[in-house]
mmCIF file of all heavy atoms, coordinates in Angstrom:
data_MODEL
# 
_entry.id   MODEL 
# 
loop_
_atom_site.group_PDB 
_atom_site.id 
_atom_site.type_symbol 
_atom_site.label_atom_id 
_atom_site.label_alt_id 
_atom_site.label_comp_id 
_atom_site.label_asym_id 
_atom_site.label_entity_id 
_atom_site.label_seq_id 
_atom_site.pdbx_PDB_ins_code 
_atom_site.Cartn_x 
_atom_site.Cartn_y 
_atom_site.Cartn_z 
_atom_site.occupancy 
_atom_site.B_iso_or_equiv 
_atom_site.pdbx_formal_charge 
_atom_site.auth_seq_id 
_atom_site.auth_comp_id 
_atom_site.auth_asym_id 
_atom_site.auth_atom_id 
_atom_site.pdbx_PDB_model_num 
ATOM 1   N N   . LYS A 1 1  ? -6.909  -64.541 120.454 1.00 0.00 ? 1  LYS A N   1 
ATOM 2   C CA  . LYS A 1 1  ? -7.335  -63.597 119.490 1.00 0.00 ? 1  LYS A CA  1 
ATOM 3   C C   . LYS A 1 1  ? -6.252  -62.846 118.825 1.00 0.00 ? 1  LYS A C   1 
ATOM 4   O O   . LYS A 1 1  ? -6.286  -62.476 117.634 1.00 0.00 ? 1  LYS A O   1 
ATOM 5   C CB  . LYS A 1 1  ? -8.269  -62.570 120.258 1.00 0.00 ? 1  LYS A CB  1 
ATOM 6   C CG  . LYS A 1 1  ? -9.605  -63.231 120.595 1.00 0.00 ? 1  LYS A CG  1 
ATOM 7   C CD  . LYS A 1 1  ? -10.467 -63.707 119.469 1.00 0.00 ? 1  LYS A CD  1 
ATOM 8   C CE  . LYS A 1 1  ? -10.650 -62.615 118.466 1.00 0.00 ? 1  LYS A CE  1 
ATOM 9   N NZ  . LYS A 1 1  ? -11.518 -63.124 117.285 1.00 0.00 ? 1  LYS A NZ  1 
ATOM 10  N N   . THR A 1 2  ? -5.182  -62.531 119.614 1.00 0.00 ? 2  THR A N   1 
ATOM 11  C CA  . THR A 1 2  ? -4.078  -61.695 118.974 1.00 0.00 ? 2  THR A CA  1 
ATOM 12  C C   . THR A 1 2  ? -3.338  -62.569 117.900 1.00 0.00 ? 2  THR A C   1 
ATOM 13  O O   . THR A 1 2  ? -3.024  -62.158 116.864 1.00 0.00 ? 2  THR A O   1 
ATOM 14  C CB  . THR A 1 2  ? -3.105  -61.416 120.106 1.00 0.00 ? 2  THR A CB  1 
ATOM 15  O OG1 . THR A 1 2  ? -3.693  -60.522 121.060 1.00 0.00 ? 2  THR A OG1 1 
ATOM 16  C CG2 . THR A 1 2  ? -1.898  -60.647 119.474 1.00 0.00 ? 2  THR A CG2 1 
ATOM 17  N N   . LEU A 1 3  ? -3.222  -63.931 118.155 1.00 0.00 ? 3  LEU A N   1 
ATOM 18  C CA  . LEU A 1 3  ? -2.587  -64.851 117.197 1.00 0.00 ? 3  LEU A CA  1 
ATOM 19  C C   . LEU A 1 3  ? -3.505  -64.932 115.984 1.00 0.00 ? 3  LEU A C   1 
ATOM 20  O O   . LEU A 1 3  ? -2.974  -64.941 114.784 1.00 0.00 ? 3  LEU A O   1 
ATOM 21  C CB  . LEU A 1 3  ? -2.392  -66.152 117.704 1.00 0.00 ? 3  LEU A CB  1 
ATOM 22  C CG  . LEU A 1 3  ? -1.336  -66.213 118.872 1.00 0.00 ? 3  LEU A CG  1 
ATOM 23  C CD1 . LEU A 1 3  ? -1.280  -67.677 119.492 1.00 0.00 ? 3  LEU A CD1 1 
ATOM 24  C CD2 . LEU A 1 3  ? 0.052   -65.939 118.264 1.00 0.00 ? 3  LEU A CD2 1 
ATOM 25  N N   . GLU A 1 4  ? -4.775  -64.920 116.114 1.00 0.00 ? 4  GLU A N   1 
ATOM 26  C CA  . GLU A 1 4  ? -5.615  -65.014 114.968 1.00 0.00 ? 4  GLU A CA  1 
ATOM 27  C C   . GLU A 1 4  ? -5.678  -63.701 114.111 1.00 0.00 ? 4  GLU A C   1 
ATOM 28  O O   . GLU A 1 4  ? -5.470  -63.807 112.921 1.00 0.00 ? 4  GLU A O   1 
ATOM 29  C CB  . GLU A 1 4  ? -7.137  -65.160 115.483 1.00 0.00 ? 4  GLU A CB  1 
ATOM 30  C CG  . GLU A 1 4  ? -7.462  -66.478 116.100 1.00 0.00 ? 4  GLU A CG  1 
ATOM 31  C CD  . GLU A 1 4  ? -8.888  -66.643 116.585 1.00 0.00 ? 4  GLU A CD  1 
ATOM 32  O OE1 . GLU A 1 4  ? -9.659  -65.597 116.473 1.00 0.00 ? 4  GLU A OE1 1 
ATOM 33  O OE2 . GLU A 1 4  ? -9.196  -67.716 117.221 1.00 0.00 ? 4  GLU A OE2 1 
ATOM 34  N N   . GLN A 1 5  ? -5.556  -62.631 114.709 1.00 0.00 ? 5  GLN A N   1 
ATOM 35  C CA  . GLN A 1 5  ? -5.526  -61.304 114.041 1.00 0.00 ? 5  GLN A CA  1 
ATOM 36  C C   . GLN A 1 5  ? -4.163  -61.137 113.243 1.00 0.00 ? 5  GLN A C   1 
ATOM 37  O O   . GLN A 1 5  ? -4.138  -60.553 112.222 1.00 0.00 ? 5  GLN A O   1 
ATOM 38  C CB  . GLN A 1 5  ? -5.801  -60.088 115.017 1.00 0.00 ? 5  GLN A CB  1 
ATOM 39  C CG  . GLN A 1 5  ? -7.251  -60.182 115.491 1.00 0.00 ? 5  GLN A CG  1 
ATOM 40  C CD  . GLN A 1 5  ? -7.489  -59.078 116.594 1.00 0.00 ? 5  GLN A CD  1 
ATOM 41  O OE1 . GLN A 1 5  ? -6.528  -58.523 117.112 1.00 0.00 ? 5  GLN A OE1 1 
ATOM 42  N NE2 . GLN A 1 5  ? -8.717  -58.812 116.937 1.00 0.00 ? 5  GLN A NE2 1 
ATOM 43  N N   . GLU A 1 6  ? -3.076  -61.515 114.007 1.00 0.00 ? 6  GLU A N   1 
ATOM 44  C CA  . GLU A 1 6  ? -1.792  -61.364 113.515 1.00 0.00 ? 6  GLU A CA  1 
ATOM 45  C C   . GLU A 1 6  ? -1.646  -61.911 112.074 1.00 0.00 ? 6  GLU A C   1 
ATOM 46  O O   . GLU A 1 6  ? -1.035  -61.459 111.189 1.00 0.00 ? 6  GLU A O   1 
ATOM 47  C CB  . GLU A 1 6  ? -0.771  -61.935 114.413 1.00 0.00 ? 6  GLU A CB  1 
ATOM 48  C CG  . GLU A 1 6  ? 0.673   -61.809 113.890 1.00 0.00 ? 6  GLU A CG  1 
ATOM 49  C CD  . GLU A 1 6  ? 1.102   -62.986 113.051 1.00 0.00 ? 6  GLU A CD  1 
ATOM 50  O OE1 . GLU A 1 6  ? 0.589   -64.122 113.352 1.00 0.00 ? 6  GLU A OE1 1 
ATOM 51  O OE2 . GLU A 1 6  ? 2.009   -62.805 112.146 1.00 0.00 ? 6  GLU A OE2 1 
ATOM 52  N N   . ARG A 1 7  ? -2.278  -63.091 111.842 1.00 0.00 ? 7  ARG A N   1 
ATOM 53  C CA  . ARG A 1 7  ? -2.188  -63.802 110.645 1.00 0.00 ? 7  ARG A CA  1 
ATOM 54  C C   . ARG A 1 7  ? -2.843  -63.066 109.415 1.00 0.00 ? 7  ARG A C   1 
ATOM 55  O O   . ARG A 1 7  ? -2.583  -63.349 108.275 1.00 0.00 ? 7  ARG A O   1 
ATOM 56  C CB  . ARG A 1 7  ? -2.762  -65.226 110.693 1.00 0.00 ? 7  ARG A CB  1 
ATOM 57  C CG  . ARG A 1 7  ? -1.934  -66.155 111.566 1.00 0.00 ? 7  ARG A CG  1 
ATOM 58  C CD  . ARG A 1 7  ? -2.370  -67.647 111.474 1.00 0.00 ? 7  ARG A CD  1 
ATOM 59  N NE  . ARG A 1 7  ? -3.728  -67.811 112.134 1.00 0.00 ? 7  ARG A NE  1 
ATOM 60  C CZ  . ARG A 1 7  ? -3.920  -68.232 113.381 1.00 0.00 ? 7  ARG A CZ  1 
ATOM 61  N NH1 . ARG A 1 7  ? -2.866  -68.375 114.119 1.00 0.00 ? 7  ARG A NH1 1 
ATOM 62  N NH2 . ARG A 1 7  ? -5.143  -68.373 113.921 1.00 0.00 ? 7  ARG A NH2 1 
ATOM 63  N N   . LEU A 1 8  ? -3.731  -62.091 109.779 1.00 0.00 ? 8  LEU A N   1 
ATOM 64  C CA  . LEU A 1 8  ? -4.539  -61.465 108.753 1.00 0.00 ? 8  LEU A CA  1 
ATOM 65  C C   . LEU A 1 8  ? -4.094  -60.195 108.241 1.00 0.00 ? 8  LEU A C   1 
ATOM 66  O O   . LEU A 1 8  ? -4.598  -59.602 107.256 1.00 0.00 ? 8  LEU A O   1 
ATOM 67  C CB  . LEU A 1 8  ? -5.946  -61.336 109.269 1.00 0.00 ? 8  LEU A CB  1 
ATOM 68  C CG  . LEU A 1 8  ? -6.693  -62.660 109.698 1.00 0.00 ? 8  LEU A CG  1 
ATOM 69  C CD1 . LEU A 1 8  ? -8.066  -62.148 110.349 1.00 0.00 ? 8  LEU A CD1 1 
ATOM 70  C CD2 . LEU A 1 8  ? -6.952  -63.439 108.447 1.00 0.00 ? 8  LEU A CD2 1 
ATOM 71  N N   . VAL A 1 9  ? -2.999  -59.595 108.800 1.00 0.00 ? 9  VAL A N   1 
ATOM 72  C CA  . VAL A 1 9  ? -2.487  -58.329 108.489 1.00 0.00 ? 9  VAL A CA  1 
ATOM 73  C C   . VAL A 1 9  ? -1.034  -58.381 108.280 1.00 0.00 ? 9  VAL A C   1 
ATOM 74  O O   . VAL A 1 9  ? -0.294  -59.161 108.788 1.00 0.00 ? 9  VAL A O   1 
ATOM 75  C CB  . VAL A 1 9  ? -2.848  -57.244 109.579 1.00 0.00 ? 9  VAL A CB  1 
ATOM 76  C CG1 . VAL A 1 9  ? -4.288  -56.859 109.627 1.00 0.00 ? 9  VAL A CG1 1 
ATOM 77  C CG2 . VAL A 1 9  ? -2.303  -57.769 110.933 1.00 0.00 ? 9  VAL A CG2 1 
ATOM 78  N N   . SER A 1 10 ? -0.549  -57.427 107.395 1.00 0.00 ? 10 SER A N   1 
ATOM 79  C CA  . SER A 1 10 ? 0.878   -57.334 107.112 1.00 0.00 ? 10 SER A CA  1 
ATOM 80  C C   . SER A 1 10 ? 1.543   -56.292 108.076 1.00 0.00 ? 10 SER A C   1 
ATOM 81  O O   . SER A 1 10 ? 0.925   -55.399 108.675 1.00 0.00 ? 10 SER A O   1 
ATOM 82  C CB  . SER A 1 10 ? 1.132   -56.893 105.652 1.00 0.00 ? 10 SER A CB  1 
ATOM 83  O OG  . SER A 1 10 ? 0.662   -55.594 105.445 1.00 0.00 ? 10 SER A OG  1 
ATOM 84  N N   . PHE A 1 11 ? 2.832   -56.254 108.099 1.00 0.00 ? 11 PHE A N   1 
ATOM 85  C CA  . PHE A 1 11 ? 3.659   -55.200 108.806 1.00 0.00 ? 11 PHE A CA  1 
ATOM 86  C C   . PHE A 1 11 ? 3.314   -53.860 108.357 1.00 0.00 ? 11 PHE A C   1 
ATOM 87  O O   . PHE A 1 11 ? 3.194   -52.884 109.154 1.00 0.00 ? 11 PHE A O   1 
ATOM 88  C CB  . PHE A 1 11 ? 5.176   -55.474 108.601 1.00 0.00 ? 11 PHE A CB  1 
ATOM 89  C CG  . PHE A 1 11 ? 5.753   -56.284 109.815 1.00 0.00 ? 11 PHE A CG  1 
ATOM 90  C CD1 . PHE A 1 11 ? 6.541   -57.385 109.631 1.00 0.00 ? 11 PHE A CD1 1 
ATOM 91  C CD2 . PHE A 1 11 ? 5.596   -55.770 111.116 1.00 0.00 ? 11 PHE A CD2 1 
ATOM 92  C CE1 . PHE A 1 11 ? 7.081   -58.083 110.640 1.00 0.00 ? 11 PHE A CE1 1 
ATOM 93  C CE2 . PHE A 1 11 ? 6.105   -56.471 112.150 1.00 0.00 ? 11 PHE A CE2 1 
ATOM 94  C CZ  . PHE A 1 11 ? 6.883   -57.568 111.951 1.00 0.00 ? 11 PHE A CZ  1 
ATOM 95  N N   . GLY A 1 12 ? 3.254   -53.748 106.921 1.00 0.00 ? 12 GLY A N   1 
ATOM 96  C CA  . GLY A 1 12 ? 2.871   -52.520 106.326 1.00 0.00 ? 12 GLY A CA  1 
ATOM 97  C C   . GLY A 1 12 ? 1.560   -51.898 106.749 1.00 0.00 ? 12 GLY A C   1 
ATOM 98  O O   . GLY A 1 12 ? 1.428   -50.724 107.107 1.00 0.00 ? 12 GLY A O   1 
ATOM 99  N N   . GLU A 1 13 ? 0.583   -52.774 106.843 1.00 0.00 ? 13 GLU A N   1 
ATOM 100 C CA  . GLU A 1 13 ? -0.699  -52.433 107.340 1.00 0.00 ? 13 GLU A CA  1 
ATOM 101 C C   . GLU A 1 13 ? -0.778  -52.003 108.757 1.00 0.00 ? 13 GLU A C   1 
ATOM 102 O O   . GLU A 1 13 ? -1.413  -50.969 109.165 1.00 0.00 ? 13 GLU A O   1 
ATOM 103 C CB  . GLU A 1 13 ? -1.701  -53.505 106.977 1.00 0.00 ? 13 GLU A CB  1 
ATOM 104 C CG  . GLU A 1 13 ? -2.114  -53.715 105.452 1.00 0.00 ? 13 GLU A CG  1 
ATOM 105 C CD  . GLU A 1 13 ? -2.845  -54.998 105.247 1.00 0.00 ? 13 GLU A CD  1 
ATOM 106 O OE1 . GLU A 1 13 ? -2.662  -56.040 105.979 1.00 0.00 ? 13 GLU A OE1 1 
ATOM 107 O OE2 . GLU A 1 13 ? -3.518  -55.110 104.247 1.00 0.00 ? 13 GLU A OE2 1 
ATOM 108 N N   . LEU A 1 14 ? -0.122  -52.807 109.593 1.00 0.00 ? 14 LEU A N   1 
ATOM 109 C CA  . LEU A 1 14 ? -0.042  -52.419 111.064 1.00 0.00 ? 14 LEU A CA  1 
ATOM 110 C C   . LEU A 1 14 ? 0.698   -51.105 111.229 1.00 0.00 ? 14 LEU A C   1 
ATOM 111 O O   . LEU A 1 14 ? 0.279   -50.346 112.025 1.00 0.00 ? 14 LEU A O   1 
ATOM 112 C CB  . LEU A 1 14 ? 0.752   -53.588 111.804 1.00 0.00 ? 14 LEU A CB  1 
ATOM 113 C CG  . LEU A 1 14 ? -0.178  -54.875 111.837 1.00 0.00 ? 14 LEU A CG  1 
ATOM 114 C CD1 . LEU A 1 14 ? 0.768   -55.990 112.537 1.00 0.00 ? 14 LEU A CD1 1 
ATOM 115 C CD2 . LEU A 1 14 ? -1.245  -54.662 112.852 1.00 0.00 ? 14 LEU A CD2 1 
ATOM 116 N N   . SER A 1 15 ? 1.673   -50.919 110.442 1.00 0.00 ? 15 SER A N   1 
ATOM 117 C CA  . SER A 1 15 ? 2.455   -49.590 110.634 1.00 0.00 ? 15 SER A CA  1 
ATOM 118 C C   . SER A 1 15 ? 1.595   -48.339 110.232 1.00 0.00 ? 15 SER A C   1 
ATOM 119 O O   . SER A 1 15 ? 1.556   -47.454 110.947 1.00 0.00 ? 15 SER A O   1 
ATOM 120 C CB  . SER A 1 15 ? 3.740   -49.600 109.728 1.00 0.00 ? 15 SER A CB  1 
ATOM 121 O OG  . SER A 1 15 ? 4.428   -48.349 109.806 1.00 0.00 ? 15 SER A OG  1 
ATOM 122 N N   . ALA A 1 16 ? 0.839   -48.621 109.227 1.00 0.00 ? 16 ALA A N   1 
ATOM 123 C CA  . ALA A 1 16 ? -0.049  -47.540 108.795 1.00 0.00 ? 16 ALA A CA  1 
ATOM 124 C C   . ALA A 1 16 ? -1.216  -47.263 109.771 1.00 0.00 ? 16 ALA A C   1 
ATOM 125 O O   . ALA A 1 16 ? -1.527  -46.116 110.038 1.00 0.00 ? 16 ALA A O   1 
ATOM 126 C CB  . ALA A 1 16 ? -0.651  -47.872 107.362 1.00 0.00 ? 16 ALA A CB  1 
ATOM 127 N N   . MET A 1 17 ? -1.739  -48.346 110.374 1.00 0.00 ? 17 MET A N   1 
ATOM 128 C CA  . MET A 1 17 ? -2.649  -48.249 111.469 1.00 0.00 ? 17 MET A CA  1 
ATOM 129 C C   . MET A 1 17 ? -2.150  -47.489 112.562 1.00 0.00 ? 17 MET A C   1 
ATOM 130 O O   . MET A 1 17 ? -2.824  -46.575 113.137 1.00 0.00 ? 17 MET A O   1 
ATOM 131 C CB  . MET A 1 17 ? -3.216  -49.633 111.806 1.00 0.00 ? 17 MET A CB  1 
ATOM 132 C CG  . MET A 1 17 ? -3.979  -50.437 110.797 1.00 0.00 ? 17 MET A CG  1 
ATOM 133 S SD  . MET A 1 17 ? -4.109  -52.166 111.111 1.00 0.00 ? 17 MET A SD  1 
ATOM 134 C CE  . MET A 1 17 ? -5.188  -52.148 112.621 1.00 0.00 ? 17 MET A CE  1 
ATOM 135 N N   . HIS A 1 18 ? -0.994  -47.781 113.004 1.00 0.00 ? 18 HIS A N   1 
ATOM 136 C CA  . HIS A 1 18 ? -0.294  -47.192 114.117 1.00 0.00 ? 18 HIS A CA  1 
ATOM 137 C C   . HIS A 1 18 ? -0.108  -45.576 113.775 1.00 0.00 ? 18 HIS A C   1 
ATOM 138 O O   . HIS A 1 18 ? -0.355  -44.747 114.694 1.00 0.00 ? 18 HIS A O   1 
ATOM 139 C CB  . HIS A 1 18 ? 0.992   -47.727 114.450 1.00 0.00 ? 18 HIS A CB  1 
ATOM 140 C CG  . HIS A 1 18 ? 1.635   -47.275 115.763 1.00 0.00 ? 18 HIS A CG  1 
ATOM 141 N ND1 . HIS A 1 18 ? 2.673   -46.315 115.782 1.00 0.00 ? 18 HIS A ND1 1 
ATOM 142 C CD2 . HIS A 1 18 ? 1.331   -47.582 117.042 1.00 0.00 ? 18 HIS A CD2 1 
ATOM 143 C CE1 . HIS A 1 18 ? 2.894   -46.115 117.149 1.00 0.00 ? 18 HIS A CE1 1 
ATOM 144 N NE2 . HIS A 1 18 ? 2.082   -46.776 117.825 1.00 0.00 ? 18 HIS A NE2 1 
ATOM 145 N N   . ASP A 1 19 ? 0.281   -45.299 112.584 1.00 0.00 ? 19 ASP A N   1 
ATOM 146 C CA  . ASP A 1 19 ? 0.386   -43.855 112.244 1.00 0.00 ? 19 ASP A CA  1 
ATOM 147 C C   . ASP A 1 19 ? -1.026  -43.101 112.338 1.00 0.00 ? 19 ASP A C   1 
ATOM 148 O O   . ASP A 1 19 ? -0.973  -42.054 112.882 1.00 0.00 ? 19 ASP A O   1 
ATOM 149 C CB  . ASP A 1 19 ? 0.862   -43.777 110.683 1.00 0.00 ? 19 ASP A CB  1 
ATOM 150 C CG  . ASP A 1 19 ? 2.357   -44.203 110.578 1.00 0.00 ? 19 ASP A CG  1 
ATOM 151 O OD1 . ASP A 1 19 ? 3.031   -44.203 111.637 1.00 0.00 ? 19 ASP A OD1 1 
ATOM 152 O OD2 . ASP A 1 19 ? 2.813   -44.456 109.490 1.00 0.00 ? 19 ASP A OD2 1 
ATOM 153 N N   . HIS A 1 20 ? -2.108  -43.787 111.920 1.00 0.00 ? 20 HIS A N   1 
ATOM 154 C CA  . HIS A 1 20 ? -3.326  -43.110 112.037 1.00 0.00 ? 20 HIS A CA  1 
ATOM 155 C C   . HIS A 1 20 ? -3.780  -42.928 113.432 1.00 0.00 ? 20 HIS A C   1 
ATOM 156 O O   . HIS A 1 20 ? -4.421  -41.931 113.846 1.00 0.00 ? 20 HIS A O   1 
ATOM 157 C CB  . HIS A 1 20 ? -4.335  -43.925 111.300 1.00 0.00 ? 20 HIS A CB  1 
ATOM 158 C CG  . HIS A 1 20 ? -4.291  -43.784 109.776 1.00 0.00 ? 20 HIS A CG  1 
ATOM 159 N ND1 . HIS A 1 20 ? -4.485  -42.505 109.174 1.00 0.00 ? 20 HIS A ND1 1 
ATOM 160 C CD2 . HIS A 1 20 ? -4.156  -44.528 108.733 1.00 0.00 ? 20 HIS A CD2 1 
ATOM 161 C CE1 . HIS A 1 20 ? -4.392  -42.567 107.860 1.00 0.00 ? 20 HIS A CE1 1 
ATOM 162 N NE2 . HIS A 1 20 ? -4.207  -43.917 107.567 1.00 0.00 ? 20 HIS A NE2 1 
ATOM 163 N N   . ILE A 1 21 ? -3.323  -43.867 114.404 1.00 0.00 ? 21 ILE A N   1 
ATOM 164 C CA  . ILE A 1 21 ? -3.634  -43.770 115.761 1.00 0.00 ? 21 ILE A CA  1 
ATOM 165 C C   . ILE A 1 21 ? -2.938  -42.493 116.404 1.00 0.00 ? 21 ILE A C   1 
ATOM 166 O O   . ILE A 1 21 ? -3.551  -41.732 117.106 1.00 0.00 ? 21 ILE A O   1 
ATOM 167 C CB  . ILE A 1 21 ? -3.237  -45.021 116.552 1.00 0.00 ? 21 ILE A CB  1 
ATOM 168 C CG1 . ILE A 1 21 ? -4.201  -46.236 116.167 1.00 0.00 ? 21 ILE A CG1 1 
ATOM 169 C CG2 . ILE A 1 21 ? -3.174  -44.779 118.071 1.00 0.00 ? 21 ILE A CG2 1 
ATOM 170 C CD1 . ILE A 1 21 ? -3.588  -47.583 116.631 1.00 0.00 ? 21 ILE A CD1 1 
ATOM 171 N N   . LEU A 1 22 ? -1.666  -42.314 116.006 1.00 0.00 ? 22 LEU A N   1 
ATOM 172 C CA  . LEU A 1 22 ? -0.956  -41.099 116.468 1.00 0.00 ? 22 LEU A CA  1 
ATOM 173 C C   . LEU A 1 22 ? -1.645  -39.854 115.860 1.00 0.00 ? 22 LEU A C   1 
ATOM 174 O O   . LEU A 1 22 ? -1.733  -38.735 116.607 1.00 0.00 ? 22 LEU A O   1 
ATOM 175 C CB  . LEU A 1 22 ? 0.467   -41.135 115.967 1.00 0.00 ? 22 LEU A CB  1 
ATOM 176 C CG  . LEU A 1 22 ? 1.331   -42.362 116.671 1.00 0.00 ? 22 LEU A CG  1 
ATOM 177 C CD1 . LEU A 1 22 ? 2.754   -42.348 116.056 1.00 0.00 ? 22 LEU A CD1 1 
ATOM 178 C CD2 . LEU A 1 22 ? 1.334   -42.230 118.137 1.00 0.00 ? 22 LEU A CD2 1 
ATOM 179 N N   . GLU A 1 23 ? -2.065  -39.864 114.659 1.00 0.00 ? 23 GLU A N   1 
ATOM 180 C CA  . GLU A 1 23 ? -2.729  -38.646 113.993 1.00 0.00 ? 23 GLU A CA  1 
ATOM 181 C C   . GLU A 1 23 ? -4.005  -38.340 114.815 1.00 0.00 ? 23 GLU A C   1 
ATOM 182 O O   . GLU A 1 23 ? -4.330  -37.179 114.896 1.00 0.00 ? 23 GLU A O   1 
ATOM 183 C CB  . GLU A 1 23 ? -2.946  -38.944 112.521 1.00 0.00 ? 23 GLU A CB  1 
ATOM 184 C CG  . GLU A 1 23 ? -1.723  -38.977 111.676 1.00 0.00 ? 23 GLU A CG  1 
ATOM 185 C CD  . GLU A 1 23 ? -1.907  -39.510 110.286 1.00 0.00 ? 23 GLU A CD  1 
ATOM 186 O OE1 . GLU A 1 23 ? -3.124  -39.720 109.982 1.00 0.00 ? 23 GLU A OE1 1 
ATOM 187 O OE2 . GLU A 1 23 ? -0.914  -39.625 109.525 1.00 0.00 ? 23 GLU A OE2 1 
ATOM 188 N N   . SER A 1 24 ? -4.762  -39.407 115.116 1.00 0.00 ? 24 SER A N   1 
ATOM 189 C CA  . SER A 1 24 ? -5.990  -39.245 115.900 1.00 0.00 ? 24 SER A CA  1 
ATOM 190 C C   . SER A 1 24 ? -5.695  -38.495 117.256 1.00 0.00 ? 24 SER A C   1 
ATOM 191 O O   . SER A 1 24 ? -6.486  -37.651 117.602 1.00 0.00 ? 24 SER A O   1 
ATOM 192 C CB  . SER A 1 24 ? -6.657  -40.544 116.186 1.00 0.00 ? 24 SER A CB  1 
ATOM 193 O OG  . SER A 1 24 ? -7.834  -40.414 116.959 1.00 0.00 ? 24 SER A OG  1 
ATOM 194 N N   . GLU A 1 25 ? -4.702  -38.932 117.923 1.00 0.00 ? 25 GLU A N   1 
ATOM 195 C CA  . GLU A 1 25 ? -4.320  -38.345 119.169 1.00 0.00 ? 25 GLU A CA  1 
ATOM 196 C C   . GLU A 1 25 ? -3.940  -36.824 118.981 1.00 0.00 ? 25 GLU A C   1 
ATOM 197 O O   . GLU A 1 25 ? -4.360  -35.947 119.781 1.00 0.00 ? 25 GLU A O   1 
ATOM 198 C CB  . GLU A 1 25 ? -3.169  -39.044 119.826 1.00 0.00 ? 25 GLU A CB  1 
ATOM 199 C CG  . GLU A 1 25 ? -2.755  -38.652 121.200 1.00 0.00 ? 25 GLU A CG  1 
ATOM 200 C CD  . GLU A 1 25 ? -1.562  -39.317 121.719 1.00 0.00 ? 25 GLU A CD  1 
ATOM 201 O OE1 . GLU A 1 25 ? -1.412  -40.494 121.363 1.00 0.00 ? 25 GLU A OE1 1 
ATOM 202 O OE2 . GLU A 1 25 ? -0.914  -38.801 122.713 1.00 0.00 ? 25 GLU A OE2 1 
# 
């Protein structure tokens, strides 16, 4: 599943997702 998901997102999108996770915390 991780390999499948990795192909669908960019580094930029993942970085933005991680930023929002920190903001949520």
